[in-house]
Protein backbone atom coordinates (compact mmCIF):
# COMPACT_ATOMS: atom_id res chain seq x y z
CA MET A 1 -8.21 -22.48 -18.68
CA PRO A 2 -5.56 -20.53 -20.97
CA GLN A 3 -2.28 -21.86 -20.49
CA LEU A 4 1.18 -19.75 -21.25
CA LEU A 5 3.53 -21.24 -24.25
CA PRO A 6 7.17 -22.38 -23.39
CA LEU A 7 8.51 -18.94 -24.48
CA ASP A 8 6.09 -17.22 -22.20
CA LEU A 9 7.31 -19.58 -19.51
CA ALA A 10 10.82 -19.07 -20.17
CA ILE A 11 10.47 -15.48 -19.65
CA VAL A 12 8.85 -15.69 -16.20
CA GLY A 13 11.08 -18.25 -15.35
CA MET A 14 14.03 -16.03 -16.54
CA TYR A 15 12.61 -12.98 -14.55
CA VAL A 16 12.26 -15.43 -11.14
CA LEU A 17 15.44 -16.63 -11.44
CA GLY A 18 17.24 -13.32 -11.64
CA MET A 19 15.38 -11.47 -8.56
CA THR A 20 16.58 -14.62 -6.57
CA LEU A 21 19.98 -14.77 -7.92
CA LEU A 22 20.12 -10.30 -6.89
CA GLY A 23 19.34 -11.47 -3.78
CA VAL A 24 22.18 -13.93 -3.55
CA TRP A 25 24.54 -10.88 -5.18
CA PHE A 26 23.71 -8.65 -1.88
CA THR A 27 23.94 -11.60 0.65
CA ARG A 28 27.75 -10.34 0.88
CA ALA A 29 26.94 -6.66 1.96
CA GLN A 30 24.73 -7.46 4.87
CA LYS A 31 27.17 -7.16 7.56
CA ASP A 32 24.53 -4.95 10.46
CA LEU A 33 21.49 -3.34 10.73
CA ARG A 34 22.51 -0.41 8.92
CA THR A 35 22.95 -2.07 5.59
CA TYR A 36 20.10 -4.79 6.37
CA PHE A 37 17.70 -2.29 6.90
CA VAL A 38 18.50 1.36 5.07
CA GLY A 39 20.70 0.39 2.54
CA GLY A 40 23.69 2.06 4.21
CA ARG A 41 22.06 5.58 4.06
CA ASN A 42 23.71 6.30 0.50
CA ILE A 43 20.97 5.78 -1.96
CA GLY A 44 20.39 8.89 -4.27
CA TRP A 45 16.85 10.29 -4.51
CA PHE A 46 15.81 8.97 -7.82
CA MET A 47 16.26 5.48 -6.75
CA VAL A 48 14.61 6.66 -3.46
CA LEU A 49 11.58 7.83 -5.85
CA VAL A 50 11.52 4.30 -7.95
CA SER A 51 11.38 2.60 -4.63
CA ILE A 52 8.81 4.95 -3.23
CA VAL A 53 6.54 4.22 -6.33
CA ALA A 54 7.31 0.84 -7.20
CA THR A 55 6.04 -0.02 -3.22
CA GLU A 56 2.87 1.60 -3.37
CA THR A 57 1.73 0.52 -7.04
CA SER A 58 1.64 -3.31 -6.55
CA ALA A 59 0.28 -5.62 -8.58
CA VAL A 60 -3.34 -4.14 -7.25
CA THR A 61 -2.46 -1.00 -9.28
CA PHE A 62 -1.88 -3.44 -12.29
CA LEU A 63 -4.66 -5.87 -12.30
CA SER A 64 -7.53 -4.08 -10.10
CA VAL A 65 -7.02 -0.07 -10.90
CA PRO A 66 -7.88 -1.16 -14.72
CA GLY A 67 -11.01 -2.70 -13.73
CA LEU A 68 -12.39 0.10 -12.14
CA SER A 69 -12.67 1.93 -15.62
CA PHE A 70 -13.27 -0.89 -17.09
CA ASN A 71 -16.44 -1.73 -14.97
CA PRO A 72 -19.73 -2.04 -17.30
CA ALA A 73 -21.63 -0.29 -14.31
CA GLY A 74 -20.27 2.99 -14.55
CA GLY A 75 -16.57 2.64 -14.34
CA ASN A 76 -14.51 5.85 -15.46
CA PHE A 77 -11.69 8.10 -14.73
CA THR A 78 -13.09 9.00 -11.07
CA PHE A 79 -10.38 6.99 -9.09
CA LEU A 80 -7.63 10.08 -10.31
CA GLN A 81 -9.64 12.48 -7.70
CA LEU A 82 -7.73 10.00 -5.06
CA SER A 83 -4.02 11.08 -6.72
CA PHE A 84 -4.90 14.82 -5.92
CA GLY A 85 -5.32 14.28 -2.91
CA TYR A 86 -2.04 12.24 -2.69
CA ILE A 87 0.05 15.17 -4.04
CA ILE A 88 -1.07 17.46 -1.43
CA GLY A 89 -0.51 14.98 1.71
CA ARG A 90 2.95 13.97 0.23
CA CYS A 91 4.06 17.80 0.51
CA LEU A 92 2.83 18.09 4.02
CA VAL A 93 4.92 15.22 5.03
CA ALA A 94 7.62 16.36 3.34
CA TRP A 95 7.68 19.45 5.37
CA LEU A 96 6.29 18.38 8.46
CA LEU A 97 7.36 15.05 9.71
CA LEU A 98 10.17 14.11 7.13
CA PRO A 99 12.59 16.27 9.25
CA GLN A 100 12.01 14.78 12.27
CA TYR A 101 12.68 11.05 10.81
CA MET A 102 16.06 12.56 9.06
CA ASN A 103 17.27 13.62 12.58
CA GLY A 104 19.73 11.33 14.01
CA GLU A 105 20.67 7.36 13.28
CA LEU A 106 16.65 5.98 12.98
CA PHE A 107 15.84 2.47 11.60
CA SER A 108 12.20 2.67 12.54
CA ALA A 109 9.53 5.39 11.96
CA TYR A 110 8.14 4.43 15.71
CA GLN A 111 11.39 5.29 17.17
CA VAL A 112 10.27 9.09 17.25
CA LEU A 113 7.43 8.02 19.34
CA LYS A 114 9.52 6.10 21.99
CA GLU A 115 11.61 9.61 21.86
CA ARG A 116 8.74 11.40 22.35
CA PHE A 117 6.02 9.37 24.30
CA ASP A 118 7.23 5.96 25.95
CA PRO A 119 8.09 2.17 24.56
CA SER A 120 4.41 1.46 24.86
CA VAL A 121 3.26 3.83 22.24
CA GLN A 122 6.49 2.33 20.08
CA ARG A 123 4.86 -1.00 20.43
CA VAL A 124 1.47 -0.30 19.75
CA ALA A 125 2.15 2.07 16.57
CA SER A 126 4.69 -1.04 15.55
CA GLY A 127 1.83 -3.52 16.12
CA LEU A 128 -1.05 -1.64 14.28
CA PHE A 129 1.65 -1.29 11.22
CA LEU A 130 2.29 -4.91 11.44
CA LEU A 131 -1.10 -5.72 11.49
CA THR A 132 -1.89 -3.50 8.40
CA ARG A 133 0.72 -4.84 6.48
CA THR A 134 -0.19 -8.77 6.76
CA VAL A 135 -3.63 -8.13 5.37
CA ALA A 136 -2.96 -5.70 2.97
CA ASP A 137 -0.19 -7.23 1.34
CA GLY A 138 -2.06 -10.95 1.62
CA LEU A 139 -4.60 -9.36 -0.39
CA ARG A 140 -2.26 -8.15 -2.95
CA ILE A 141 -0.80 -11.70 -3.38
CA PHE A 142 -4.15 -13.14 -3.81
CA LEU A 143 -4.67 -10.51 -6.58
CA THR A 144 -1.32 -11.54 -8.41
CA ALA A 145 -2.43 -15.18 -7.84
CA LEU A 146 -5.31 -14.08 -10.07
CA LEU A 147 -3.63 -13.91 -13.03
CA LEU A 148 -0.70 -16.45 -12.48
CA GLN A 149 -3.85 -19.34 -11.87
CA PHE A 150 -3.63 -19.10 -15.39
CA VAL A 151 0.39 -19.92 -15.38
CA LEU A 152 0.53 -22.46 -12.50
CA GLY A 153 -2.73 -24.33 -12.71
CA GLY A 154 -4.26 -22.45 -9.64
CA VAL A 155 -4.62 -20.20 -7.28
CA THR A 156 -3.26 -22.13 -4.58
CA PRO A 157 0.00 -22.80 -6.10
CA ALA A 158 0.33 -19.06 -7.37
CA ILE A 159 0.20 -17.96 -3.88
CA VAL A 160 2.94 -20.26 -3.02
CA VAL A 161 5.07 -19.02 -5.63
CA VAL A 162 4.50 -15.42 -5.29
CA GLY A 163 5.19 -15.74 -1.61
CA VAL A 164 8.25 -17.89 -1.89
CA VAL A 165 9.93 -16.20 -4.41
CA THR A 166 9.78 -12.89 -2.55
CA ILE A 167 10.83 -14.42 0.67
CA VAL A 168 13.74 -15.97 -0.70
CA TYR A 169 15.52 -12.79 -2.35
CA THR A 170 14.19 -10.52 0.50
CA TYR A 171 15.60 -12.79 3.34
CA LEU A 172 19.17 -12.88 1.50
CA GLY A 173 19.87 -9.33 0.18
CA GLY A 174 17.90 -7.02 2.70
CA MET A 175 17.17 -3.77 1.78
CA LYS A 176 19.79 -2.78 -1.11
CA ALA A 177 18.13 -5.75 -2.81
CA VAL A 178 14.72 -4.87 -2.49
CA ILE A 179 15.62 -1.23 -3.79
CA TRP A 180 17.61 -2.54 -6.93
CA THR A 181 14.77 -5.08 -7.59
CA ASP A 182 12.25 -2.30 -7.37
CA LEU A 183 14.20 -0.44 -9.84
CA ILE A 184 14.25 -3.48 -12.41
CA GLN A 185 10.62 -4.23 -11.64
CA PHE A 186 9.37 -0.52 -11.82
CA ILE A 187 10.66 -0.35 -15.47
CA ILE A 188 8.82 -3.84 -16.52
CA LYS A 189 5.64 -3.02 -14.70
CA ILE A 190 5.61 0.37 -16.81
CA ALA A 191 6.94 -1.31 -19.84
CA GLY A 192 4.48 -4.02 -19.70
CA ALA A 193 1.42 -1.93 -19.24
CA VAL A 194 2.56 0.36 -22.26
CA LEU A 195 2.40 -2.62 -24.17
CA ALA A 196 -1.06 -3.52 -22.92
CA GLY A 197 -2.24 -0.28 -23.85
CA VAL A 198 -0.34 -0.43 -27.23
CA PHE A 199 -2.25 -3.83 -28.08
CA VAL A 200 -5.43 -2.85 -26.89
CA LEU A 201 -5.41 0.20 -29.42
CA LYS A 202 -4.18 -2.11 -32.48
CA LEU A 203 -7.29 -4.59 -31.39
CA LEU A 204 -9.73 -1.49 -31.75
CA PRO A 205 -10.64 -1.29 -35.39
CA GLY A 206 -10.68 2.83 -35.45
CA GLY A 207 -7.95 3.05 -33.02
CA TRP A 208 -7.07 6.13 -31.08
CA ASP A 209 -9.74 7.92 -32.24
CA GLN A 210 -12.36 5.11 -31.51
CA PHE A 211 -11.04 4.98 -28.51
CA LEU A 212 -11.59 8.95 -27.72
CA THR A 213 -14.52 9.23 -29.52
CA GLU A 214 -16.42 6.11 -27.80
CA GLY A 215 -14.88 6.24 -24.59
CA GLU A 216 -16.00 9.83 -24.42
CA ALA A 217 -19.74 8.97 -25.58
CA VAL A 218 -20.25 6.46 -22.79
CA GLY A 219 -18.72 8.46 -19.92
CA LYS A 220 -15.58 6.42 -19.29
CA PHE A 221 -13.44 10.03 -19.08
CA ARG A 222 -15.46 11.53 -16.40
CA LEU A 223 -13.13 12.85 -14.01
CA ILE A 224 -14.31 14.83 -11.34
CA ASP A 225 -17.58 14.22 -8.97
CA ALA A 226 -18.13 17.27 -7.40
CA GLU A 227 -21.18 16.21 -5.11
CA PHE A 228 -20.62 15.82 -1.51
CA ARG A 229 -21.73 12.03 -0.19
CA PRO A 230 -19.87 10.71 2.37
CA THR A 231 -20.79 7.43 0.97
CA VAL A 232 -19.32 7.64 -1.63
CA ASP A 233 -15.66 6.81 -2.23
CA LEU A 234 -14.83 8.44 -5.42
CA ASN A 235 -15.50 12.24 -5.59
CA ILE A 236 -13.31 15.45 -5.08
CA TRP A 237 -14.19 16.09 -1.74
CA ALA A 238 -13.10 12.33 -0.41
CA GLY A 239 -10.50 12.81 -3.16
CA VAL A 240 -8.99 15.67 -1.81
CA ILE A 241 -9.42 15.71 1.79
CA GLY A 242 -9.64 11.85 2.56
CA GLY A 243 -6.70 11.62 -0.32
CA ALA A 244 -4.53 14.12 1.40
CA VAL A 245 -5.14 12.96 4.99
CA PHE A 246 -4.68 9.11 3.77
CA SER A 247 -1.36 9.94 1.93
CA MET A 248 -0.02 11.89 5.50
CA ALA A 249 -0.78 8.73 7.02
CA SER A 250 0.66 6.02 4.56
CA HIS A 251 3.92 8.15 3.67
CA GLY A 252 4.41 10.00 7.11
CA ALA A 253 3.03 7.11 9.55
CA ASP A 254 4.03 3.93 7.90
CA GLN A 255 7.25 2.09 8.19
CA LEU A 256 7.04 0.83 4.77
CA MET A 257 7.29 4.17 3.02
CA VAL A 258 9.47 5.96 6.02
CA GLN A 259 12.14 3.07 5.62
CA ARG A 260 13.03 4.23 2.01
CA TYR A 261 13.24 8.45 3.28
CA LEU A 262 15.91 6.89 5.77
CA CYS A 263 17.96 5.29 3.01
CA ALA A 264 18.28 8.68 1.01
CA LYS A 265 21.70 10.57 1.27
CA SER A 266 20.06 13.50 3.22
CA LEU A 267 16.68 15.31 3.97
CA GLY A 268 16.95 17.46 0.54
CA GLN A 269 16.81 14.24 -1.52
CA ALA A 270 14.34 12.22 0.85
CA ARG A 271 12.16 15.25 0.18
CA LEU A 272 12.09 15.49 -3.62
CA ALA A 273 11.67 11.70 -3.91
CA LEU A 274 8.69 11.90 -1.99
CA VAL A 275 7.04 15.10 -3.74
CA LEU A 276 7.91 13.75 -7.27
CA SER A 277 6.48 10.27 -6.46
CA GLY A 278 3.09 11.63 -6.00
CA PHE A 279 3.40 13.09 -9.99
CA VAL A 280 4.52 9.65 -10.90
CA VAL A 281 1.59 8.01 -9.24
CA LEU A 282 -0.93 9.89 -11.17
CA ALA A 283 0.54 9.23 -14.68
CA GLN A 284 0.34 5.59 -13.54
CA PHE A 285 -3.23 5.64 -12.88
CA LEU A 286 -3.54 7.43 -15.42
CA LEU A 287 -2.17 4.63 -17.93
CA PHE A 288 -3.94 1.57 -16.27
CA LEU A 289 -7.71 3.29 -16.38
CA ALA A 290 -6.88 4.42 -19.91
CA VAL A 291 -6.08 0.52 -20.46
CA GLY A 292 -9.12 -0.36 -18.51
CA VAL A 293 -11.32 2.04 -20.80
CA GLY A 294 -9.68 0.00 -23.97
CA MET A 295 -10.66 -3.21 -22.48
CA TYR A 296 -14.73 -2.21 -22.25
CA LEU A 297 -14.59 -0.76 -25.52
CA LEU A 298 -13.11 -4.47 -27.05
CA LEU A 299 -15.90 -6.12 -24.61
CA GLU A 300 -18.64 -4.12 -26.25
CA GLY A 301 -17.46 -4.14 -29.83
CA GLY A 302 -17.59 -8.12 -29.46
CA GLN A 303 -13.29 -8.27 -29.41
CA PHE A 304 -13.08 -9.35 -25.82
CA PRO A 305 -16.01 -11.72 -25.54
CA GLU A 306 -14.10 -13.75 -22.60
CA ALA A 307 -14.76 -10.79 -20.61
CA ALA A 308 -18.65 -10.79 -20.06
CA GLY A 309 -19.70 -11.94 -16.42
CA LYS A 310 -16.00 -11.92 -15.05
CA ARG A 311 -14.86 -9.92 -11.97
CA ASN A 312 -13.67 -6.74 -12.66
CA ASP A 313 -10.22 -7.32 -11.11
CA GLU A 314 -9.65 -10.34 -13.24
CA VAL A 315 -10.35 -8.88 -16.53
CA PHE A 316 -7.02 -7.41 -17.13
CA GLY A 317 -5.47 -10.77 -16.63
CA LEU A 318 -7.63 -12.41 -18.79
CA PHE A 319 -6.68 -9.94 -21.65
CA ILE A 320 -3.04 -10.53 -21.11
CA VAL A 321 -3.40 -14.26 -21.82
CA THR A 322 -6.15 -14.66 -24.36
CA LYS A 323 -5.37 -11.53 -26.18
CA LEU A 324 -1.56 -10.99 -26.28
CA PRO A 325 0.88 -12.86 -28.82
CA THR A 326 3.55 -15.56 -27.46
CA GLY A 327 6.39 -13.56 -26.06
CA VAL A 328 4.24 -10.42 -24.90
CA VAL A 329 2.00 -12.53 -22.44
CA GLY A 330 5.64 -13.44 -21.19
CA VAL A 331 6.51 -10.11 -20.35
CA LEU A 332 3.24 -8.90 -19.21
CA VAL A 333 2.99 -11.79 -16.34
CA ALA A 334 6.61 -11.08 -15.60
CA ALA A 335 5.13 -7.13 -14.86
CA VAL A 336 2.55 -8.42 -12.61
CA LEU A 337 5.25 -10.58 -10.81
CA ALA A 338 7.17 -7.48 -10.53
CA ALA A 339 4.11 -5.12 -9.48
CA ALA A 340 3.73 -7.75 -6.73
CA MET A 341 6.79 -8.27 -5.66
CA SER A 342 7.92 -4.96 -5.42
CA THR A 343 5.65 -3.95 -2.57
CA LEU A 344 5.78 -7.59 -0.85
CA SER A 345 9.36 -7.49 -0.73
CA SER A 346 9.54 -3.90 0.77
CA SER A 347 6.85 -4.94 3.11
CA LEU A 348 8.84 -8.55 4.65
CA ASN A 349 11.93 -6.22 5.19
CA SER A 350 9.74 -3.37 6.60
CA SER A 351 7.64 -5.75 9.18
CA ALA A 352 10.89 -7.54 10.05
CA ASN A 353 12.79 -4.09 11.13
CA ALA A 354 9.79 -3.51 12.96
CA VAL A 355 9.98 -6.61 15.16
CA VAL A 356 13.76 -6.28 15.45
CA THR A 357 13.82 -2.69 16.19
CA ASP A 358 10.62 -1.63 18.16
CA PHE A 359 10.24 -5.06 20.10
CA TYR A 360 13.47 -7.35 20.18
CA ARG A 361 16.58 -4.95 20.31
CA PRO A 362 15.20 -2.85 23.10
CA LEU A 363 14.71 -5.90 25.32
CA ARG A 364 18.05 -7.23 24.22
CA PRO A 365 20.24 -4.67 23.23
CA ASN A 366 23.50 -5.83 23.70
CA ARG A 367 23.55 -8.73 21.15
CA GLU A 368 25.92 -9.04 18.22
CA GLU A 369 24.79 -7.57 15.08
CA TRP A 370 25.07 -10.57 13.22
CA HIS A 371 22.31 -11.84 16.03
CA TYR A 372 19.96 -9.13 14.91
CA VAL A 373 20.60 -9.72 11.35
CA LEU A 374 19.99 -13.18 11.42
CA LEU A 375 16.52 -12.88 13.53
CA SER A 376 15.58 -10.23 11.02
CA ARG A 377 15.76 -12.96 8.29
CA VAL A 378 13.79 -14.89 10.02
CA MET A 379 11.16 -12.35 10.51
CA THR A 380 11.06 -11.87 7.05
CA ALA A 381 10.16 -15.62 6.62
CA VAL A 382 7.61 -15.44 9.21
CA TRP A 383 5.53 -12.68 7.87
CA GLY A 384 6.09 -13.70 4.27
CA LEU A 385 4.26 -16.50 5.24
CA ALA A 386 1.43 -14.84 7.36
CA GLN A 387 1.08 -12.92 4.21
CA MET A 388 0.39 -16.12 2.19
CA GLY A 389 -2.06 -17.25 4.73
CA VAL A 390 -4.19 -13.86 4.09
CA ALA A 391 -4.12 -14.66 0.37
CA TYR A 392 -5.62 -18.01 0.98
CA GLY A 393 -8.23 -16.72 2.84
CA ALA A 394 -9.08 -14.12 1.23
CA TYR A 395 -9.48 -16.92 -1.95
CA LYS A 396 -11.52 -19.01 0.19
CA ALA A 397 -13.58 -16.14 0.77
CA GLY A 398 -14.41 -15.29 -2.33
CA GLY A 399 -16.69 -12.12 -3.31
CA ASN A 400 -16.19 -9.72 -6.25
CA LYS A 401 -15.73 -6.49 -4.29
CA SER A 402 -12.53 -4.20 -6.16
CA VAL A 403 -9.40 -5.74 -4.25
CA VAL A 404 -7.51 -2.06 -4.79
CA GLN A 405 -10.33 -0.77 -2.78
CA GLN A 406 -10.27 -3.41 0.33
CA VAL A 407 -6.44 -2.85 0.46
CA LEU A 408 -6.94 0.90 0.71
CA ALA A 409 -9.84 0.66 3.06
CA VAL A 410 -7.56 -1.63 5.48
CA ALA A 411 -4.81 0.92 5.31
CA GLY A 412 -6.75 3.61 5.90
CA PHE A 413 -8.27 1.85 8.83
CA THR A 414 -5.11 1.97 11.15
CA THR A 415 -2.88 4.35 9.09
CA GLY A 416 -5.09 6.98 10.03
CA LEU A 417 -4.68 5.81 13.97
CA LEU A 418 -0.86 6.29 13.80
CA LEU A 419 -0.80 9.99 12.08
CA GLY A 420 -2.74 10.82 15.11
CA LEU A 421 -0.11 9.52 17.14
CA PHE A 422 2.62 11.16 15.27
CA LEU A 423 0.45 14.64 15.21
CA LEU A 424 0.35 14.48 19.07
CA GLY A 425 4.07 13.89 18.97
CA SER A 426 4.62 17.25 17.55
CA THR A 427 3.07 18.96 20.46
CA LYS A 428 6.21 19.74 22.48
CA ARG A 429 5.46 17.51 25.29
CA PHE A 430 1.81 18.53 25.96
CA VAL A 431 0.09 15.28 25.38
CA GLN A 432 1.50 12.23 27.50
CA SER A 433 1.59 8.62 26.82
CA TRP A 434 -1.39 7.68 28.39
CA ALA A 435 -3.83 10.41 26.37
CA ALA A 436 -2.13 9.51 23.52
CA LEU A 437 -3.03 5.74 24.01
CA THR A 438 -6.55 6.19 25.40
CA GLY A 439 -7.17 8.71 21.63
CA LEU A 440 -5.89 5.62 19.89
CA VAL A 441 -8.12 3.37 21.36
CA CYS A 442 -11.11 5.95 20.89
CA GLY A 443 -10.14 6.34 17.20
CA PHE A 444 -9.84 2.86 16.83
CA ALA A 445 -13.39 2.31 17.98
CA THR A 446 -14.86 4.98 16.03
CA VAL A 447 -13.36 3.99 12.59
CA PHE A 448 -14.25 0.51 13.30
CA THR A 449 -18.26 1.63 14.24
CA VAL A 450 -18.30 3.16 10.69
CA TRP A 451 -16.43 0.68 9.05
CA LEU A 452 -18.66 -2.27 10.45
CA PRO A 453 -21.76 -1.60 8.60
CA SER A 454 -19.91 -1.42 4.96
CA SER A 455 -18.31 -4.89 5.69
CA GLY A 456 -21.43 -6.56 5.15
CA ILE A 457 -21.30 -8.03 9.05
CA THR A 458 -24.28 -6.39 10.01
CA GLU A 459 -26.66 -7.49 7.12
CA ASN A 460 -27.78 -10.50 9.08
CA LEU A 461 -27.49 -8.99 12.87
CA PRO A 462 -30.67 -7.03 14.72
CA VAL A 463 -29.48 -3.81 14.67
CA PRO A 464 -31.29 -0.91 12.99
CA SER A 465 -31.66 -0.44 9.28
CA PHE A 466 -29.63 2.70 9.27
CA TYR A 467 -26.46 0.61 10.33
CA LYS A 468 -26.70 -1.79 7.37
CA GLY A 469 -24.63 -0.81 3.73
CA THR A 470 -21.82 1.71 3.92
CA LEU A 471 -22.00 4.78 6.47
CA ILE A 472 -19.07 6.29 5.66
CA ALA A 473 -16.56 5.66 2.67
CA TRP A 474 -13.39 4.32 2.91
CA PRO A 475 -11.27 7.76 2.01
CA TRP A 476 -12.66 9.00 5.19
CA PHE A 477 -11.21 6.39 7.55
CA ALA A 478 -8.20 7.88 7.62
CA PRO A 479 -9.46 11.54 8.57
CA ILE A 480 -11.97 10.07 11.32
CA GLY A 481 -9.04 7.72 13.05
CA ALA A 482 -6.54 10.74 12.80
CA GLY A 483 -9.12 13.24 13.86
CA THR A 484 -10.80 11.13 16.84
CA THR A 485 -7.07 10.58 18.09
CA VAL A 486 -5.83 13.69 18.32
CA LEU A 487 -9.19 15.22 19.46
CA VAL A 488 -9.78 12.69 22.51
CA ALA A 489 -5.95 12.85 23.69
CA LEU A 490 -6.17 16.58 23.68
CA VAL A 491 -9.12 16.87 25.57
CA LEU A 492 -8.10 14.41 28.35
CA GLN A 493 -4.79 15.91 28.81
CA VAL A 494 -6.74 19.47 29.17
CA ILE A 495 -8.77 17.98 31.59
CA ALA A 496 -6.10 16.11 33.58
CA TYR A 497 -3.85 19.61 33.88
CA CYS A 498 -7.00 21.23 35.04
CA VAL A 499 -7.60 18.46 37.67
CA MET A 500 -3.83 19.03 38.56
CA TRP A 501 -3.96 22.54 38.45
CA ARG A 502 -7.04 22.84 41.15
CA ARG A 503 -5.03 19.92 43.42
CA LYS A 504 -2.16 22.26 43.50
CA ARG A 505 -4.15 25.48 44.44
CA GLY A 506 -6.43 23.46 46.60
CA THR A 507 -3.16 22.47 48.57
CA SER A 508 -1.73 25.55 48.44
CA VAL A 509 -4.60 27.65 49.92
CA ALA A 510 -4.93 24.58 52.66
């Protein structure tokens, strides 16, 4: 197993120490929930934009996306089709949902649902968010550990280090520590990806010309797949339609992202940060996919034999520790840590926010602010440990499916349901709480039904053959969940109003 040299270890150690000290620095500012969860609501648009991008492009992006284009079995640039839908979805959120969040003194996205429906809808939505974040971010820790195993001697100790360090600085510093570390981590992450791309080109004998010529010859730069196939996740239909609804859900109904908008100085600044973040994410995906193509060409040319037979998610990490010079390896490992921690710290702070704001504070509304801040810190540690548990479970489960697609599938499974609730909430009180929750349950059952075959669970069950293998690709999970939730709720509410009208009419006639 490759080992890091002392200089590389020193660089990684300095990074970890710096992040921890930054959390300690911001501890003194954490007087109440307003500063701990939304940074005092005085963050400029650029910092909000960076925090959005750093949060959603984690170690999954850094390590797994290059593996998509590297994939010897037909990998290419078609993953970028999702980015087109992401930009559309962000624009819709910016003008349809964002004004609701910026009106008042909200700490949680799900407080909007309490105002529109009742506390039960708020708690169900918040609970779904907590479940999604724990599973998806546990997978992110696992992917980071695939690289850090080369540093720490195994996947398990790597999971512990990533989880504990992130818990510590998020526990201490709150949201301001999260946003400032997001900026530092974003810079390190992008610099690391650019450095990797430079060294890929340097290792190719023909450099940039070889990259373009051979990449084009083997179809690595294919961008658009126009054929509509519901079982395929990377075509233009799934990208634009599924990606747009998925982005509306992930950026409009997920506390992880909404909490960033609540930190902004104004609606205009939050809106600017959100829309521009879509274009930055597109550029990031392009960079990481290009690195993946370069690694494939190195494998085919014999300069990267270590990648033969490895799972696609591991290849970029293997390239870092085997092909890059001392010092640069340390920077790239720190970049992976930065990518992981930027998302995980945001997730922990948002999860703690959800527990305190949506569950505990409504039941204990008259406690001192220091009590809520202390509980928020405890919840930060609790959810961090839960995510580490998911990461360990993923490690023991094994498998070769792309982690980035697993994470997106988990997010699409639940965030579409939450988006359905927020859309129902904009119906001027036409839909009542019971109908919204019934629609949510039906939406969950529908998405679960179409997801189950793709999970592999039905392979050994006595079910019809058509119910084995993928029925619907994951980009369609969010549209199906949101659509079913809204449709069922509206139909049930119309039926209920018709029954009430008939009863009133019958009473008046009698």
